[in-house]
Protein backbone atom coordinates (compact mmCIF):
# COMPACT_ATOMS: atom_id res chain seq x y z
CA MET A 1 1.48 3.35 16.11
CA THR A 2 0.33 -0.21 15.54
CA LYS A 3 -0.02 -0.95 11.87
CA VAL A 4 -1.62 -4.40 12.20
CA ASN A 5 -5.34 -4.80 12.86
CA VAL A 6 -7.08 -8.16 13.27
CA TYR A 7 -10.84 -8.30 12.81
CA SER A 8 -12.17 -11.41 14.47
CA THR A 9 -14.80 -13.08 16.61
CA PRO A 10 -14.24 -15.03 19.83
CA THR A 11 -15.58 -18.30 18.38
CA CYS A 12 -13.57 -18.31 15.13
CA PRO A 13 -10.80 -20.94 15.12
CA TRP A 14 -8.95 -19.31 12.19
CA CYS A 15 -8.99 -15.99 14.04
CA LYS A 16 -7.24 -17.66 16.97
CA LYS A 17 -4.66 -19.17 14.60
CA ILE A 18 -3.87 -15.75 13.12
CA LYS A 19 -3.54 -14.11 16.54
CA ASP A 20 -1.33 -16.94 17.81
CA TYR A 21 0.80 -16.73 14.65
CA LEU A 22 1.29 -12.98 15.02
CA LYS A 23 2.20 -13.43 18.71
CA GLU A 24 4.76 -16.12 17.75
CA LYS A 25 6.32 -13.64 15.33
CA ASP A 26 6.29 -10.98 18.07
CA VAL A 27 4.04 -8.68 16.04
CA ASP A 28 2.02 -6.06 17.91
CA PHE A 29 -1.56 -5.91 16.72
CA ILE A 30 -4.91 -4.47 17.69
CA GLU A 31 -7.74 -6.97 17.91
CA HIS A 32 -11.24 -5.89 16.92
CA ASN A 33 -14.10 -8.14 18.06
CA VAL A 34 -16.58 -7.61 15.23
CA ALA A 35 -19.21 -9.72 17.01
CA GLU A 36 -19.60 -6.94 19.60
CA ASP A 37 -18.13 -3.83 17.96
CA THR A 38 -20.46 -2.56 15.23
CA LYS A 39 -18.08 0.22 14.19
CA ALA A 40 -15.21 -2.27 13.76
CA ARG A 41 -17.49 -4.61 11.77
CA GLU A 42 -18.46 -1.77 9.41
CA GLU A 43 -14.78 -0.81 9.06
CA MET A 44 -13.87 -4.43 8.24
CA VAL A 45 -16.59 -4.72 5.58
CA GLU A 46 -15.56 -1.38 4.06
CA LYS A 47 -11.91 -2.48 3.86
CA SER A 48 -12.44 -6.05 2.70
CA GLY A 49 -15.90 -6.28 1.19
CA GLN A 50 -16.31 -9.37 3.38
CA LEU A 51 -18.57 -10.28 6.27
CA GLY A 52 -16.48 -13.32 7.19
CA VAL A 53 -13.57 -13.34 9.59
CA PRO A 54 -10.66 -13.29 10.02
CA VAL A 55 -9.61 -10.15 8.21
CA VAL A 56 -6.13 -8.72 8.80
CA ASP A 57 -5.07 -5.22 7.81
CA ILE A 58 -1.29 -4.91 7.72
CA ASP A 59 -0.40 -1.29 7.04
CA GLY A 60 -3.17 -0.99 4.44
CA THR A 61 -2.82 -4.47 2.93
CA VAL A 62 -6.06 -6.32 3.63
CA ILE A 63 -5.89 -10.10 3.88
CA VAL A 64 -9.02 -12.22 4.17
CA GLY A 65 -8.53 -15.55 5.92
CA PHE A 66 -5.36 -17.09 7.29
CA ASP A 67 -3.00 -16.74 4.33
CA LYS A 68 0.41 -17.22 5.94
CA ASP A 69 2.38 -16.31 2.79
CA LYS A 70 0.52 -13.01 2.30
CA ILE A 71 0.82 -12.23 6.02
CA ASP A 72 4.58 -12.88 6.00
CA LYS A 73 5.10 -10.85 2.82
CA SER A 74 3.10 -7.91 4.22
CA LEU A 75 4.97 -8.01 7.53
CA GLU A 76 8.29 -7.81 5.67
CA ASN A 77 7.22 -4.43 4.29
CA LEU A 78 6.52 -2.89 7.72
């Protein structure tokens, strides 16, 4: 089961950076396009309290924005 979810939009440059970073680290993740997927958008807002993207959920740890240190620390705990 994939424990990393990325909530993003196609036009967000920081979303692309997060996805590229996770790919570089060989991390499997599920991408949720919140511009088109209303259910995913509602889920993202419920988890983060934020409307802005990117939002990353790493096994229950929600990170808003591209915070490399928090991402790395959360991935260590997987």
